[in-house]
PDB file of all heavy atoms in Angstrom:
ATOM      1  N   ALA A   1       0.802  -1.223   0.018  1.00  0.00           N
ATOM      2  CA  ALA A   1       0.015   0.001  -0.002  1.00  0.00           C
ATOM      3  C   ALA A   1       0.854   1.263  -0.027  1.00  0.00           C
ATOM      4  O   ALA A   1       0.407   2.280  -0.541  1.00  0.00           O
ATOM      5  CB  ALA A   1      -0.916   0.013   1.219  1.00  0.00           C
ATOM      6  N   ASP A   2       2.065   1.210   0.560  1.00  0.00           N
ATOM      7  CA  ASP A   2       2.843   2.431   0.728  1.00  0.00           C
ATOM      8  C   ASP A   2       3.673   2.687  -0.556  1.00  0.00           C
ATOM      9  O   ASP A   2       4.774   2.131  -0.687  1.00  0.00           O
ATOM     10  CB  ASP A   2       3.782   2.331   1.963  1.00  0.00           C
ATOM     11  CG  ASP A   2       4.478   3.622   2.232  1.00  0.00           C
ATOM     12  OD1 ASP A   2       4.223   4.630   1.512  1.00  0.00           O
ATOM     13  OD2 ASP A   2       5.292   3.664   3.225  1.00  0.00           O
ATOM     14  N   GLN A   3       3.154   3.430  -1.461  1.00  0.00           N
ATOM     15  CA  GLN A   3       3.841   3.728  -2.726  1.00  0.00           C
ATOM     16  C   GLN A   3       4.830   4.869  -2.606  1.00  0.00           C
ATOM     17  O   GLN A   3       5.487   5.242  -3.562  1.00  0.00           O
ATOM     18  CB  GLN A   3       2.824   4.043  -3.830  1.00  0.00           C
ATOM     19  CG  GLN A   3       1.887   2.896  -4.141  1.00  0.00           C
ATOM     20  CD  GLN A   3       2.602   1.605  -4.398  1.00  0.00           C
ATOM     21  OE1 GLN A   3       3.390   1.510  -5.326  1.00  0.00           O
ATOM     22  NE2 GLN A   3       2.349   0.590  -3.602  1.00  0.00           N
ATOM     23  N   SER A   4       4.950   5.484  -1.408  1.00  0.00           N
ATOM     24  CA  SER A   4       5.871   6.600  -1.215  1.00  0.00           C
ATOM     25  C   SER A   4       7.330   6.121  -1.095  1.00  0.00           C
ATOM     26  O   SER A   4       8.247   6.891  -1.189  1.00  0.00           O
ATOM     27  CB  SER A   4       5.450   7.439   0.002  1.00  0.00           C
ATOM     28  OG  SER A   4       5.549   6.620   1.195  1.00  0.00           O
ATOM     29  N   LEU A   5       7.472   4.814  -0.796  1.00  0.00           N
ATOM     30  CA  LEU A   5       8.813   4.267  -0.626  1.00  0.00           C
ATOM     31  C   LEU A   5       9.595   4.346  -1.946  1.00  0.00           C
ATOM     32  O   LEU A   5       9.097   3.892  -2.995  1.00  0.00           O
ATOM     33  CB  LEU A   5       8.783   2.847  -0.154  1.00  0.00           C
ATOM     34  CG  LEU A   5       8.383   2.582   1.315  1.00  0.00           C
ATOM     35  CD1 LEU A   5       8.191   1.113   1.579  1.00  0.00           C
ATOM     36  CD2 LEU A   5       9.408   3.196   2.255  1.00  0.00           C
ATOM     37  N   ALA A   6      10.807   4.860  -1.948  1.00  0.00           N
ATOM     38  CA  ALA A   6      11.612   4.952  -3.144  1.00  0.00           C
ATOM     39  C   ALA A   6      12.124   3.570  -3.507  1.00  0.00           C
ATOM     40  O   ALA A   6      12.200   2.653  -2.701  1.00  0.00           O
ATOM     41  CB  ALA A   6      12.794   5.892  -2.900  1.00  0.00           C
ATOM     42  N   GLU A   7      12.447   3.416  -4.827  1.00  0.00           N
ATOM     43  CA  GLU A   7      12.896   2.078  -5.319  1.00  0.00           C
ATOM     44  C   GLU A   7      14.234   1.689  -4.652  1.00  0.00           C
ATOM     45  O   GLU A   7      14.558   0.500  -4.602  1.00  0.00           O
ATOM     46  CB  GLU A   7      13.052   2.164  -6.821  1.00  0.00           C
ATOM     47  CG  GLU A   7      11.744   2.068  -7.603  1.00  0.00           C
ATOM     48  CD  GLU A   7      11.903   1.784  -9.045  1.00  0.00           C
ATOM     49  OE1 GLU A   7      13.071   1.501  -9.461  1.00  0.00           O
ATOM     50  OE2 GLU A   7      10.927   1.794  -9.791  1.00  0.00           O
ATOM     51  N   ASN A   8      14.978   2.665  -4.169  1.00  0.00           N
ATOM     52  CA  ASN A   8      16.299   2.301  -3.635  1.00  0.00           C
ATOM     53  C   ASN A   8      16.252   1.921  -2.156  1.00  0.00           C
ATOM     54  O   ASN A   8      17.255   1.722  -1.476  1.00  0.00           O
ATOM     55  CB  ASN A   8      17.321   3.451  -3.825  1.00  0.00           C
ATOM     56  CG  ASN A   8      16.862   4.748  -3.226  1.00  0.00           C
ATOM     57  OD1 ASN A   8      15.776   4.819  -2.607  1.00  0.00           O
ATOM     58  ND2 ASN A   8      17.639   5.806  -3.405  1.00  0.00           N
ATOM     59  N   VAL A   9      15.029   1.848  -1.557  1.00  0.00           N
ATOM     60  CA  VAL A   9      14.870   1.425  -0.191  1.00  0.00           C
ATOM     61  C   VAL A   9      14.889  -0.111  -0.154  1.00  0.00           C
ATOM     62  O   VAL A   9      14.017  -0.731  -0.759  1.00  0.00           O
ATOM     63  CB  VAL A   9      13.557   1.946   0.450  1.00  0.00           C
ATOM     64  CG1 VAL A   9      13.398   1.385   1.853  1.00  0.00           C
ATOM     65  CG2 VAL A   9      13.539   3.446   0.449  1.00  0.00           C
ATOM     66  N   PRO A  10      15.907  -0.723   0.507  1.00  0.00           N
ATOM     67  CA  PRO A  10      15.977  -2.193   0.510  1.00  0.00           C
ATOM     68  C   PRO A  10      14.781  -2.812   1.208  1.00  0.00           C
ATOM     69  O   PRO A  10      14.414  -2.369   2.315  1.00  0.00           O
ATOM     70  CB  PRO A  10      17.264  -2.522   1.271  1.00  0.00           C
ATOM     71  CG  PRO A  10      18.013  -1.206   1.345  1.00  0.00           C
ATOM     72  CD  PRO A  10      16.993  -0.123   1.269  1.00  0.00           C
ATOM     73  N   ARG A  11      14.125  -3.759   0.606  1.00  0.00           N
ATOM     74  CA  ARG A  11      13.024  -4.444   1.232  1.00  0.00           C
ATOM     75  C   ARG A  11      12.663  -5.726   0.483  1.00  0.00           C
ATOM     76  O   ARG A  11      13.000  -5.874  -0.684  1.00  0.00           O
ATOM     77  CB  ARG A  11      11.782  -3.518   1.310  1.00  0.00           C
ATOM     78  CG  ARG A  11      11.227  -3.047  -0.014  1.00  0.00           C
ATOM     79  CD  ARG A  11      10.258  -1.909   0.252  1.00  0.00           C
ATOM     80  NE  ARG A  11       9.496  -1.467  -0.917  1.00  0.00           N
ATOM     81  CZ  ARG A  11       9.931  -0.635  -1.815  1.00  0.00           C
ATOM     82  NH1 ARG A  11      11.177  -0.128  -1.731  1.00  0.00           N
ATOM     83  NH2 ARG A  11       9.169  -0.258  -2.814  1.00  0.00           N
ATOM     84  N   GLU A  12      11.991  -6.599   1.191  1.00  0.00           N
ATOM     85  CA  GLU A  12      11.521  -7.884   0.614  1.00  0.00           C
ATOM     86  C   GLU A  12      10.202  -7.580  -0.124  1.00  0.00           C
ATOM     87  O   GLU A  12       9.397  -6.781   0.352  1.00  0.00           O
ATOM     88  CB  GLU A  12      11.283  -8.868   1.732  1.00  0.00           C
ATOM     89  CG  GLU A  12      11.246 -10.315   1.282  1.00  0.00           C
ATOM     90  CD  GLU A  12      12.590 -10.890   0.851  1.00  0.00           C
ATOM     91  OE1 GLU A  12      13.629 -10.314   1.180  1.00  0.00           O
ATOM     92  OE2 GLU A  12      12.528 -11.909   0.137  1.00  0.00           O
ATOM     93  N   THR A  13      10.009  -8.237  -1.262  1.00  0.00           N
ATOM     94  CA  THR A  13       8.754  -8.060  -1.988  1.00  0.00           C
ATOM     95  C   THR A  13       8.138  -9.431  -2.330  1.00  0.00           C
ATOM     96  O   THR A  13       8.761 -10.464  -2.218  1.00  0.00           O
ATOM     97  CB  THR A  13       8.965  -7.299  -3.343  1.00  0.00           C
ATOM     98  OG1 THR A  13       9.713  -8.183  -4.226  1.00  0.00           O
ATOM     99  CG2 THR A  13       9.718  -6.030  -3.127  1.00  0.00           C
ATOM    100  N   LEU A  14       6.863  -9.363  -2.719  1.00  0.00           N
ATOM    101  CA  LEU A  14       6.173 -10.617  -3.144  1.00  0.00           C
ATOM    102  C   LEU A  14       6.941 -11.286  -4.331  1.00  0.00           C
ATOM    103  O   LEU A  14       6.962 -12.470  -4.460  1.00  0.00           O
ATOM    104  CB  LEU A  14       4.752 -10.303  -3.599  1.00  0.00           C
ATOM    105  CG  LEU A  14       3.654 -10.318  -2.582  1.00  0.00           C
ATOM    106  CD1 LEU A  14       2.314 -10.009  -3.263  1.00  0.00           C
ATOM    107  CD2 LEU A  14       3.593 -11.649  -1.817  1.00  0.00           C
ATOM    108  N   MET A  15       7.566 -10.451  -5.170  1.00  0.00           N
ATOM    109  CA  MET A  15       8.303 -10.929  -6.318  1.00  0.00           C
ATOM    110  C   MET A  15       9.550 -11.714  -5.856  1.00  0.00           C
ATOM    111  O   MET A  15       9.891 -12.767  -6.397  1.00  0.00           O
ATOM    112  CB  MET A  15       8.721  -9.787  -7.220  1.00  0.00           C
ATOM    113  CG  MET A  15       9.193 -10.273  -8.590  1.00  0.00           C
ATOM    114  SD  MET A  15       7.879 -11.012  -9.572  1.00  0.00           S
ATOM    115  CE  MET A  15       7.064  -9.591 -10.166  1.00  0.00           C
ATOM    116  N   HIS A  16      10.215 -11.227  -4.772  1.00  0.00           N
ATOM    117  CA  HIS A  16      11.343 -11.985  -4.231  1.00  0.00           C
ATOM    118  C   HIS A  16      10.852 -13.356  -3.753  1.00  0.00           C
ATOM    119  O   HIS A  16      11.512 -14.400  -3.986  1.00  0.00           O
ATOM    120  CB  HIS A  16      11.935 -11.242  -3.038  1.00  0.00           C
ATOM    121  CG  HIS A  16      12.829 -10.085  -3.360  1.00  0.00           C
ATOM    122  ND1 HIS A  16      12.316  -8.785  -3.522  1.00  0.00           N
ATOM    123  CD2 HIS A  16      14.140  -9.981  -3.597  1.00  0.00           C
ATOM    124  CE1 HIS A  16      13.310  -7.967  -3.784  1.00  0.00           C
ATOM    125  NE2 HIS A  16      14.441  -8.691  -3.879  1.00  0.00           N
ATOM    126  N   PHE A  17       9.700 -13.353  -3.060  1.00  0.00           N
ATOM    127  CA  PHE A  17       9.151 -14.649  -2.564  1.00  0.00           C
ATOM    128  C   PHE A  17       8.871 -15.620  -3.692  1.00  0.00           C
ATOM    129  O   PHE A  17       9.317 -16.787  -3.628  1.00  0.00           O
ATOM    130  CB  PHE A  17       7.808 -14.355  -1.818  1.00  0.00           C
ATOM    131  CG  PHE A  17       6.983 -15.577  -1.583  1.00  0.00           C
ATOM    132  CD1 PHE A  17       7.257 -16.440  -0.534  1.00  0.00           C
ATOM    133  CD2 PHE A  17       5.917 -15.901  -2.412  1.00  0.00           C
ATOM    134  CE1 PHE A  17       6.505 -17.563  -0.311  1.00  0.00           C
ATOM    135  CE2 PHE A  17       5.179 -17.031  -2.222  1.00  0.00           C
ATOM    136  CZ  PHE A  17       5.441 -17.864  -1.160  1.00  0.00           C
ATOM    137  N   ALA A  18       8.252 -15.153  -4.760  1.00  0.00           N
ATOM    138  CA  ALA A  18       7.882 -16.070  -5.878  1.00  0.00           C
ATOM    139  C   ALA A  18       9.131 -16.580  -6.571  1.00  0.00           C
ATOM    140  O   ALA A  18       9.229 -17.772  -6.895  1.00  0.00           O
ATOM    141  CB  ALA A  18       7.019 -15.340  -6.891  1.00  0.00           C
ATOM    142  N   VAL A  19      10.111 -15.698  -6.781  1.00  0.00           N
ATOM    143  CA  VAL A  19      11.345 -16.102  -7.502  1.00  0.00           C
ATOM    144  C   VAL A  19      12.174 -17.029  -6.655  1.00  0.00           C
ATOM    145  O   VAL A  19      12.751 -18.007  -7.120  1.00  0.00           O
ATOM    146  CB  VAL A  19      12.149 -14.861  -7.925  1.00  0.00           C
ATOM    147  CG1 VAL A  19      13.501 -15.234  -8.469  1.00  0.00           C
ATOM    148  CG2 VAL A  19      11.362 -14.086  -8.989  1.00  0.00           C
ATOM    149  N   ARG A  20      12.290 -16.717  -5.345  1.00  0.00           N
ATOM    150  CA  ARG A  20      13.125 -17.516  -4.435  1.00  0.00           C
ATOM    151  C   ARG A  20      12.697 -19.022  -4.490  1.00  0.00           C
ATOM    152  O   ARG A  20      13.523 -19.923  -4.430  1.00  0.00           O
ATOM    153  CB  ARG A  20      13.090 -16.955  -3.012  1.00  0.00           C
ATOM    154  CG  ARG A  20      14.020 -17.653  -2.060  1.00  0.00           C
ATOM    155  CD  ARG A  20      13.906 -17.041  -0.654  1.00  0.00           C
ATOM    156  NE  ARG A  20      14.595 -15.758  -0.608  1.00  0.00           N
ATOM    157  CZ  ARG A  20      13.979 -14.587  -0.499  1.00  0.00           C
ATOM    158  NH1 ARG A  20      12.692 -14.523  -0.444  1.00  0.00           N
ATOM    159  NH2 ARG A  20      14.636 -13.469  -0.449  1.00  0.00           N
ATOM    160  N   LEU A  21      11.365 -19.268  -4.532  1.00  0.00           N
ATOM    161  CA  LEU A  21      10.868 -20.632  -4.552  1.00  0.00           C
ATOM    162  C   LEU A  21      10.776 -21.191  -5.992  1.00  0.00           C
ATOM    163  O   LEU A  21      10.419 -22.322  -6.154  1.00  0.00           O
ATOM    164  CB  LEU A  21       9.505 -20.690  -3.913  1.00  0.00           C
ATOM    165  CG  LEU A  21       9.491 -20.557  -2.382  1.00  0.00           C
ATOM    166  CD1 LEU A  21       8.056 -20.677  -1.867  1.00  0.00           C
ATOM    167  CD2 LEU A  21      10.366 -21.569  -1.705  1.00  0.00           C
ATOM    168  N   GLY A  22      11.076 -20.389  -6.976  1.00  0.00           N
ATOM    169  CA  GLY A  22      11.006 -20.868  -8.379  1.00  0.00           C
ATOM    170  C   GLY A  22       9.569 -21.029  -8.842  1.00  0.00           C
ATOM    171  O   GLY A  22       9.292 -21.890  -9.662  1.00  0.00           O
ATOM    172  N   LEU A  23       8.667 -20.144  -8.407  1.00  0.00           N
ATOM    173  CA  LEU A  23       7.275 -20.220  -8.754  1.00  0.00           C
ATOM    174  C   LEU A  23       7.003 -19.481 -10.085  1.00  0.00           C
ATOM    175  O   LEU A  23       6.723 -18.285 -10.125  1.00  0.00           O
ATOM    176  CB  LEU A  23       6.351 -19.663  -7.646  1.00  0.00           C
ATOM    177  CG  LEU A  23       6.575 -20.307  -6.271  1.00  0.00           C
ATOM    178  CD1 LEU A  23       5.682 -19.669  -5.208  1.00  0.00           C
ATOM    179  CD2 LEU A  23       6.345 -21.815  -6.314  1.00  0.00           C
ATOM    180  N   LEU A  24       7.176 -20.179 -11.181  1.00  0.00           N
ATOM    181  CA  LEU A  24       7.121 -19.579 -12.516  1.00  0.00           C
ATOM    182  C   LEU A  24       5.748 -18.965 -12.815  1.00  0.00           C
ATOM    183  O   LEU A  24       5.666 -17.801 -13.267  1.00  0.00           O
ATOM    184  CB  LEU A  24       7.415 -20.670 -13.529  1.00  0.00           C
ATOM    185  CG  LEU A  24       7.797 -20.235 -14.971  1.00  0.00           C
ATOM    186  CD1 LEU A  24       9.112 -19.484 -14.959  1.00  0.00           C
ATOM    187  CD2 LEU A  24       7.913 -21.439 -15.852  1.00  0.00           C
ATOM    188  N   ARG A  25       4.679 -19.695 -12.537  1.00  0.00           N
ATOM    189  CA  ARG A  25       3.349 -19.185 -12.888  1.00  0.00           C
ATOM    190  C   ARG A  25       2.955 -17.964 -11.982  1.00  0.00           C
ATOM    191  O   ARG A  25       2.357 -17.007 -12.486  1.00  0.00           O
ATOM    192  CB  ARG A  25       2.289 -20.273 -12.733  1.00  0.00           C
ATOM    193  CG  ARG A  25       2.507 -21.508 -13.588  1.00  0.00           C
ATOM    194  CD  ARG A  25       1.527 -22.579 -13.187  1.00  0.00           C
ATOM    195  NE  ARG A  25       1.750 -23.839 -13.868  1.00  0.00           N
ATOM    196  CZ  ARG A  25       2.540 -24.815 -13.392  1.00  0.00           C
ATOM    197  NH1 ARG A  25       3.218 -24.657 -12.312  1.00  0.00           N
ATOM    198  NH2 ARG A  25       2.641 -25.971 -14.074  1.00  0.00           N
ATOM    199  N   LEU A  26       3.304 -18.072 -10.726  1.00  0.00           N
ATOM    200  CA  LEU A  26       2.974 -16.927  -9.822  1.00  0.00           C
ATOM    201  C   LEU A  26       3.757 -15.708 -10.189  1.00  0.00           C
ATOM    202  O   LEU A  26       3.272 -14.568 -10.156  1.00  0.00           O
ATOM    203  CB  LEU A  26       3.256 -17.356  -8.351  1.00  0.00           C
ATOM    204  CG  LEU A  26       2.870 -16.263  -7.302  1.00  0.00           C
ATOM    205  CD1 LEU A  26       1.387 -15.889  -7.381  1.00  0.00           C
ATOM    206  CD2 LEU A  26       3.184 -16.786  -5.911  1.00  0.00           C
ATOM    207  N   THR A  27       5.059 -15.897 -10.562  1.00  0.00           N
ATOM    208  CA  THR A  27       5.882 -14.771 -10.987  1.00  0.00           C
ATOM    209  C   THR A  27       5.266 -14.089 -12.227  1.00  0.00           C
ATOM    210  O   THR A  27       5.190 -12.876 -12.310  1.00  0.00           O
ATOM    211  CB  THR A  27       7.284 -15.253 -11.350  1.00  0.00           C
ATOM    212  OG1 THR A  27       7.900 -15.832 -10.182  1.00  0.00           O
ATOM    213  CG2 THR A  27       8.158 -14.105 -11.851  1.00  0.00           C
TER     214      THR A  27
END
């Protein structure tokens, strides 16, 4: 929800989650 965070702020994302597990369809 917080779109004010700049792209250079380190954080975990749903995309990291999907890629880490190798979830091709979810990615």
